[in-house]
């Protein structure tokens, strides 16, 4: 199967995908701030540069995109029909890297929360976030 876009269009589309300050991240940050939590974002000193760091609670939060981090059984995660093997390898490497970084953070004494993009869209996660922080 061939790509539905030409190379220039596909390249432009891919260049517009952000790695930080995504809409789901911003929604989670606004929620936390409204509840009185203060945090740091993308702390380079910590493994995996967590999206949100709550130093007072020794908690980190990763807001993962369902596609990029391979969220199983999620309607937002389907392997592309073009270059399927390449994408499969790329996403598998991301999943392994996520696991390694989470283990490093746990060894450092941090609680690690993973929030999926689909959970933020449905807003089901917000009460769970606070319960797991404290």
N, C-alpha and C. Protein backbone atom coordinates (compact mmCIF):
# COMPACT_ATOMS: atom_id res chain seq x y z
N UNK A 1 0.84 -1.18 0.00
CA UNK A 1 0.00 0.00 0.00
C UNK A 1 0.89 1.24 0.00
N UNK A 2 0.51 2.23 -0.76
CA UNK A 2 1.28 3.46 -0.81
C UNK A 2 0.65 4.53 0.08
N UNK A 3 1.45 5.50 0.42
CA UNK A 3 1.00 6.60 1.26
C UNK A 3 -0.03 7.44 0.53
N UNK A 4 -1.01 7.95 1.27
CA UNK A 4 -2.05 8.79 0.65
C UNK A 4 -1.54 10.21 0.38
N UNK A 5 -0.39 10.55 0.97
CA UNK A 5 0.20 11.88 0.77
C UNK A 5 1.51 11.75 0.00
N UNK A 6 1.87 12.83 -0.72
CA UNK A 6 3.19 12.84 -1.35
C UNK A 6 4.23 13.12 -0.27
N UNK A 7 5.51 12.99 -0.63
CA UNK A 7 6.58 13.12 0.36
C UNK A 7 6.60 14.49 1.05
N UNK A 8 6.35 15.54 0.30
CA UNK A 8 6.39 16.90 0.86
C UNK A 8 5.27 17.08 1.90
N UNK A 9 4.08 16.65 1.55
CA UNK A 9 2.93 16.76 2.47
C UNK A 9 3.16 15.92 3.72
N UNK A 10 3.62 14.68 3.54
CA UNK A 10 3.87 13.81 4.68
C UNK A 10 4.95 14.41 5.58
N UNK A 11 6.00 14.93 4.99
CA UNK A 11 7.09 15.54 5.76
C UNK A 11 6.56 16.73 6.57
N UNK A 12 5.73 17.55 5.95
CA UNK A 12 5.16 18.70 6.66
C UNK A 12 4.28 18.22 7.82
N UNK A 13 3.41 17.24 7.56
CA UNK A 13 2.53 16.73 8.61
C UNK A 13 3.33 16.22 9.80
N UNK A 14 4.38 15.45 9.53
CA UNK A 14 5.19 14.88 10.60
C UNK A 14 5.94 15.98 11.36
N UNK A 15 6.35 17.04 10.68
CA UNK A 15 7.08 18.12 11.34
C UNK A 15 6.21 18.91 12.31
N UNK A 16 4.90 18.81 12.15
CA UNK A 16 3.97 19.55 13.00
C UNK A 16 3.63 18.82 14.30
N UNK A 17 4.11 17.59 14.45
CA UNK A 17 3.83 16.82 15.66
C UNK A 17 4.77 17.28 16.76
N UNK A 18 4.18 17.69 17.90
CA UNK A 18 4.97 18.23 18.99
C UNK A 18 5.39 17.13 19.96
N UNK A 19 6.53 17.34 20.59
CA UNK A 19 7.03 16.39 21.58
C UNK A 19 6.73 16.82 23.00
N UNK A 20 6.50 18.11 23.19
CA UNK A 20 6.14 18.59 24.52
C UNK A 20 5.14 19.73 24.38
N UNK A 21 4.49 20.04 25.50
CA UNK A 21 3.42 21.03 25.52
C UNK A 21 2.27 20.65 24.58
N UNK A 22 1.94 19.37 24.57
CA UNK A 22 0.83 18.90 23.76
C UNK A 22 -0.49 19.26 24.46
N UNK A 23 -1.59 19.19 23.74
CA UNK A 23 -2.89 19.51 24.34
C UNK A 23 -3.21 18.65 25.56
N UNK A 24 -3.00 17.31 25.48
CA UNK A 24 -3.27 16.51 26.68
C UNK A 24 -2.41 16.91 27.88
N UNK A 25 -1.12 17.22 27.64
CA UNK A 25 -0.24 17.66 28.73
C UNK A 25 -0.76 18.94 29.36
N UNK A 26 -1.13 19.89 28.52
CA UNK A 26 -1.60 21.19 29.01
C UNK A 26 -2.89 21.02 29.82
N UNK A 27 -3.79 20.14 29.37
CA UNK A 27 -5.03 19.89 30.12
C UNK A 27 -4.72 19.33 31.51
N UNK A 28 -3.79 18.39 31.58
CA UNK A 28 -3.42 17.80 32.87
C UNK A 28 -2.77 18.86 33.75
N UNK A 29 -1.88 19.67 33.18
CA UNK A 29 -1.21 20.71 33.97
C UNK A 29 -2.21 21.73 34.50
N UNK A 30 -3.15 22.16 33.67
CA UNK A 30 -4.16 23.13 34.11
C UNK A 30 -5.01 22.54 35.24
N UNK A 31 -5.36 21.27 35.11
CA UNK A 31 -6.14 20.61 36.16
C UNK A 31 -5.36 20.60 37.47
N UNK A 32 -4.10 20.15 37.42
CA UNK A 32 -3.28 20.09 38.63
C UNK A 32 -3.14 21.47 39.27
N UNK A 33 -2.87 22.48 38.44
CA UNK A 33 -2.68 23.84 38.96
C UNK A 33 -3.97 24.33 39.63
N UNK A 34 -5.12 24.03 39.02
CA UNK A 34 -6.40 24.48 39.58
C UNK A 34 -6.68 23.84 40.93
N UNK A 35 -6.08 22.67 41.18
CA UNK A 35 -6.26 21.98 42.46
C UNK A 35 -5.15 22.32 43.46
N UNK A 36 -4.32 23.29 43.12
CA UNK A 36 -3.30 23.77 44.05
C UNK A 36 -1.95 23.08 43.96
N UNK A 37 -1.78 22.18 43.01
CA UNK A 37 -0.49 21.49 42.85
C UNK A 37 0.47 22.36 42.06
N UNK A 38 1.71 22.36 42.49
CA UNK A 38 2.76 23.08 41.76
C UNK A 38 3.76 22.05 41.26
N UNK A 39 4.29 22.29 40.09
CA UNK A 39 5.10 21.28 39.42
C UNK A 39 6.16 21.92 38.54
N UNK A 40 7.05 21.07 38.06
CA UNK A 40 8.03 21.45 37.04
C UNK A 40 7.69 20.64 35.80
N UNK A 41 8.11 21.12 34.64
CA UNK A 41 7.83 20.37 33.42
C UNK A 41 9.13 20.00 32.72
N UNK A 42 9.12 18.82 32.12
CA UNK A 42 10.23 18.31 31.30
C UNK A 42 11.59 18.47 31.98
N UNK A 43 11.72 17.97 33.20
CA UNK A 43 12.96 18.09 33.96
C UNK A 43 14.05 17.22 33.33
N UNK A 44 15.05 17.87 32.76
CA UNK A 44 16.13 17.17 32.06
C UNK A 44 17.04 16.38 33.00
N UNK A 45 16.99 16.70 34.29
CA UNK A 45 17.84 15.99 35.25
C UNK A 45 17.31 14.59 35.57
N UNK A 46 16.05 14.34 35.24
CA UNK A 46 15.45 13.04 35.56
C UNK A 46 15.39 12.15 34.32
N UNK A 47 15.51 10.84 34.51
CA UNK A 47 15.43 9.91 33.36
C UNK A 47 14.11 10.06 32.61
N UNK A 48 14.19 10.15 31.31
CA UNK A 48 13.00 10.23 30.47
C UNK A 48 12.38 11.61 30.38
N UNK A 49 12.98 12.62 31.02
CA UNK A 49 12.44 13.98 31.04
C UNK A 49 10.92 13.98 31.23
N UNK A 50 10.45 13.61 32.43
CA UNK A 50 9.01 13.50 32.66
C UNK A 50 8.26 14.78 32.27
N UNK A 51 7.04 14.60 31.76
CA UNK A 51 6.23 15.74 31.35
C UNK A 51 5.91 16.64 32.53
N UNK A 52 5.61 16.04 33.68
CA UNK A 52 5.25 16.79 34.88
C UNK A 52 5.98 16.17 36.07
N UNK A 53 6.62 17.03 36.87
CA UNK A 53 7.30 16.57 38.09
C UNK A 53 6.71 17.32 39.27
N UNK A 54 6.23 16.57 40.25
CA UNK A 54 5.70 17.14 41.49
C UNK A 54 6.71 16.85 42.60
N UNK A 55 7.71 17.73 42.77
CA UNK A 55 8.80 17.45 43.73
C UNK A 55 8.32 17.21 45.15
N UNK A 56 7.33 17.99 45.60
CA UNK A 56 6.82 17.86 46.97
C UNK A 56 6.29 16.46 47.24
N UNK A 57 5.74 15.81 46.23
CA UNK A 57 5.15 14.48 46.38
C UNK A 57 6.04 13.38 45.80
N UNK A 58 7.23 13.77 45.33
CA UNK A 58 8.18 12.82 44.70
C UNK A 58 7.44 11.95 43.67
N UNK A 59 6.67 12.63 42.81
CA UNK A 59 5.86 11.98 41.79
C UNK A 59 6.16 12.58 40.43
N UNK A 60 6.21 11.72 39.42
CA UNK A 60 6.35 12.19 38.04
C UNK A 60 5.17 11.67 37.23
N UNK A 61 4.78 12.45 36.24
CA UNK A 61 3.67 12.07 35.38
C UNK A 61 4.13 12.14 33.93
N UNK A 62 3.89 11.06 33.20
CA UNK A 62 4.12 11.04 31.76
C UNK A 62 2.75 11.06 31.09
N UNK A 63 2.54 12.00 30.17
CA UNK A 63 1.31 12.03 29.40
C UNK A 63 1.67 11.48 28.02
N UNK A 64 1.31 10.21 27.79
CA UNK A 64 1.72 9.51 26.58
C UNK A 64 0.68 9.59 25.47
N UNK A 65 1.18 9.84 24.27
CA UNK A 65 0.32 9.76 23.09
C UNK A 65 0.05 8.29 22.80
N UNK A 66 -1.20 7.96 22.54
CA UNK A 66 -1.59 6.56 22.34
C UNK A 66 -0.85 5.93 21.16
N UNK A 67 -0.68 6.67 20.07
CA UNK A 67 0.01 6.12 18.91
C UNK A 67 1.50 5.96 19.17
N UNK A 68 2.15 7.01 19.60
CA UNK A 68 3.61 7.03 19.73
C UNK A 68 4.13 6.06 20.79
N UNK A 69 3.31 5.78 21.81
CA UNK A 69 3.77 4.91 22.89
C UNK A 69 3.06 3.55 22.88
N UNK A 70 2.35 3.25 21.80
CA UNK A 70 1.78 1.92 21.60
C UNK A 70 0.75 1.50 22.63
N UNK A 71 -0.27 2.33 22.84
CA UNK A 71 -1.31 2.01 23.83
C UNK A 71 -2.17 0.87 23.31
N UNK A 72 -2.02 -0.30 23.95
CA UNK A 72 -2.74 -1.50 23.52
C UNK A 72 -4.24 -1.35 23.71
N UNK A 73 -4.99 -1.95 22.78
CA UNK A 73 -6.46 -1.96 22.84
C UNK A 73 -7.07 -0.56 22.89
N UNK A 74 -6.44 0.37 22.21
CA UNK A 74 -6.92 1.75 22.18
C UNK A 74 -7.32 2.11 20.75
N UNK A 75 -8.43 2.81 20.61
CA UNK A 75 -8.88 3.16 19.26
C UNK A 75 -7.95 4.16 18.56
N UNK A 76 -7.10 4.83 19.33
CA UNK A 76 -6.17 5.79 18.73
C UNK A 76 -4.85 5.16 18.31
N UNK A 77 -4.68 3.87 18.60
CA UNK A 77 -3.44 3.19 18.20
C UNK A 77 -3.71 2.12 17.16
N UNK A 78 -3.29 2.39 15.95
CA UNK A 78 -3.28 1.38 14.89
C UNK A 78 -1.98 1.56 14.12
N UNK A 79 -1.36 0.46 13.78
CA UNK A 79 -0.12 0.54 13.01
C UNK A 79 -0.44 1.04 11.60
N UNK A 80 0.38 1.94 11.08
CA UNK A 80 0.17 2.42 9.71
C UNK A 80 0.27 1.28 8.70
N UNK A 81 -0.41 1.43 7.60
CA UNK A 81 -0.40 0.40 6.56
C UNK A 81 0.82 0.50 5.64
N UNK A 82 1.50 1.64 5.71
CA UNK A 82 2.75 1.78 4.95
C UNK A 82 3.92 1.69 5.93
N UNK A 83 4.99 1.04 5.51
CA UNK A 83 6.20 0.87 6.33
C UNK A 83 5.86 0.27 7.69
N UNK A 84 4.97 -0.70 7.69
CA UNK A 84 4.46 -1.28 8.93
C UNK A 84 5.56 -1.82 9.83
N UNK A 85 6.50 -2.55 9.25
CA UNK A 85 7.59 -3.12 10.07
C UNK A 85 8.43 -2.03 10.72
N UNK A 86 8.72 -0.98 9.98
CA UNK A 86 9.52 0.13 10.51
C UNK A 86 8.80 0.77 11.69
N UNK A 87 7.50 1.05 11.52
CA UNK A 87 6.72 1.66 12.60
C UNK A 87 6.62 0.73 13.80
N UNK A 88 6.45 -0.55 13.55
CA UNK A 88 6.34 -1.51 14.64
C UNK A 88 7.62 -1.50 15.48
N UNK A 89 8.77 -1.53 14.80
CA UNK A 89 10.06 -1.49 15.51
C UNK A 89 10.22 -0.19 16.29
N UNK A 90 9.88 0.91 15.67
CA UNK A 90 10.02 2.23 16.31
C UNK A 90 9.18 2.31 17.58
N UNK A 91 7.94 1.87 17.49
CA UNK A 91 7.04 1.94 18.65
C UNK A 91 7.48 0.95 19.73
N UNK A 92 7.94 -0.23 19.34
CA UNK A 92 8.45 -1.20 20.32
C UNK A 92 9.65 -0.64 21.07
N UNK A 93 10.55 0.05 20.36
CA UNK A 93 11.72 0.67 21.02
C UNK A 93 11.26 1.74 22.01
N UNK A 94 10.25 2.49 21.64
CA UNK A 94 9.72 3.52 22.53
C UNK A 94 9.15 2.89 23.79
N UNK A 95 8.41 1.80 23.65
CA UNK A 95 7.82 1.11 24.79
C UNK A 95 8.92 0.59 25.73
N UNK A 96 9.96 0.00 25.17
CA UNK A 96 11.08 -0.50 25.98
C UNK A 96 11.77 0.65 26.69
N UNK A 97 12.04 1.73 25.97
CA UNK A 97 12.68 2.90 26.56
C UNK A 97 11.83 3.49 27.70
N UNK A 98 10.52 3.56 27.48
CA UNK A 98 9.62 4.06 28.54
C UNK A 98 9.77 3.21 29.79
N UNK A 99 9.76 1.89 29.62
CA UNK A 99 9.86 0.98 30.76
C UNK A 99 11.18 1.18 31.51
N UNK A 100 12.28 1.27 30.78
CA UNK A 100 13.61 1.45 31.39
C UNK A 100 13.64 2.75 32.20
N UNK A 101 13.15 3.83 31.63
CA UNK A 101 13.17 5.13 32.32
C UNK A 101 12.27 5.11 33.56
N UNK A 102 11.12 4.44 33.47
CA UNK A 102 10.23 4.33 34.62
C UNK A 102 10.90 3.56 35.75
N UNK A 103 11.59 2.48 35.42
CA UNK A 103 12.30 1.69 36.43
C UNK A 103 13.39 2.53 37.10
N UNK A 104 14.11 3.33 36.33
CA UNK A 104 15.15 4.19 36.89
C UNK A 104 14.54 5.19 37.88
N UNK A 105 13.41 5.76 37.50
CA UNK A 105 12.74 6.73 38.38
C UNK A 105 12.25 6.07 39.67
N UNK A 106 11.72 4.87 39.56
CA UNK A 106 11.25 4.14 40.74
C UNK A 106 12.41 3.84 41.68
N UNK A 107 13.56 3.46 41.10
CA UNK A 107 14.76 3.20 41.93
C UNK A 107 15.22 4.47 42.64
N UNK A 108 14.93 5.63 42.04
CA UNK A 108 15.29 6.92 42.65
C UNK A 108 14.27 7.35 43.71
N UNK A 109 13.22 6.56 43.87
CA UNK A 109 12.21 6.85 44.90
C UNK A 109 10.99 7.62 44.41
N UNK A 110 10.83 7.73 43.11
CA UNK A 110 9.68 8.46 42.56
C UNK A 110 8.49 7.53 42.33
N UNK A 111 7.29 8.08 42.52
CA UNK A 111 6.08 7.40 42.08
C UNK A 111 5.89 7.83 40.62
N UNK A 112 5.57 6.89 39.77
CA UNK A 112 5.43 7.17 38.34
C UNK A 112 3.98 6.95 37.91
N UNK A 113 3.41 7.97 37.30
CA UNK A 113 2.05 7.85 36.75
C UNK A 113 2.14 7.96 35.23
N UNK A 114 1.42 7.08 34.56
CA UNK A 114 1.32 7.14 33.10
C UNK A 114 -0.12 7.52 32.79
N UNK A 115 -0.28 8.58 32.05
CA UNK A 115 -1.61 9.01 31.63
C UNK A 115 -1.64 8.94 30.11
N UNK A 116 -2.65 8.29 29.58
CA UNK A 116 -2.77 8.14 28.14
C UNK A 116 -3.63 9.25 27.55
N UNK A 117 -3.29 9.64 26.36
CA UNK A 117 -4.01 10.68 25.63
C UNK A 117 -5.52 10.42 25.61
N UNK A 118 -5.93 9.17 25.41
CA UNK A 118 -7.36 8.84 25.35
C UNK A 118 -8.05 9.04 26.70
N UNK A 119 -7.30 8.84 27.80
CA UNK A 119 -7.88 9.05 29.13
C UNK A 119 -8.13 10.54 29.38
N UNK A 120 -7.24 11.38 28.86
CA UNK A 120 -7.41 12.82 29.02
C UNK A 120 -8.60 13.30 28.20
N UNK A 121 -8.75 12.74 27.00
CA UNK A 121 -9.87 13.13 26.14
C UNK A 121 -11.21 12.82 26.80
N UNK A 122 -11.30 11.70 27.50
CA UNK A 122 -12.56 11.32 28.14
C UNK A 122 -12.68 11.88 29.56
N UNK A 123 -11.62 12.51 30.04
CA UNK A 123 -11.56 13.14 31.36
C UNK A 123 -11.77 12.18 32.54
N UNK A 124 -11.71 10.88 32.29
CA UNK A 124 -11.90 9.90 33.37
C UNK A 124 -10.71 9.85 34.33
N UNK A 125 -9.59 10.35 33.89
CA UNK A 125 -8.35 10.18 34.65
C UNK A 125 -8.18 11.20 35.78
N UNK A 126 -8.87 12.33 35.71
CA UNK A 126 -8.55 13.43 36.61
C UNK A 126 -8.68 13.12 38.09
N UNK A 127 -9.71 12.41 38.51
CA UNK A 127 -9.83 12.07 39.93
C UNK A 127 -8.75 11.05 40.34
N UNK A 128 -8.40 10.16 39.42
CA UNK A 128 -7.37 9.15 39.70
C UNK A 128 -6.00 9.80 39.91
N UNK A 129 -5.72 10.86 39.16
CA UNK A 129 -4.42 11.53 39.27
C UNK A 129 -4.18 11.98 40.70
N UNK A 130 -5.13 12.68 41.27
CA UNK A 130 -4.96 13.22 42.63
C UNK A 130 -4.85 12.10 43.66
N UNK A 131 -5.68 11.07 43.52
CA UNK A 131 -5.62 9.95 44.48
C UNK A 131 -4.26 9.28 44.49
N UNK A 132 -3.61 9.21 43.35
CA UNK A 132 -2.32 8.53 43.28
C UNK A 132 -1.15 9.43 43.67
N UNK A 133 -1.36 10.74 43.69
CA UNK A 133 -0.28 11.66 44.07
C UNK A 133 -0.07 11.63 45.57
N UNK A 134 -1.15 11.72 46.32
CA UNK A 134 -1.05 11.88 47.78
C UNK A 134 -0.76 10.57 48.50
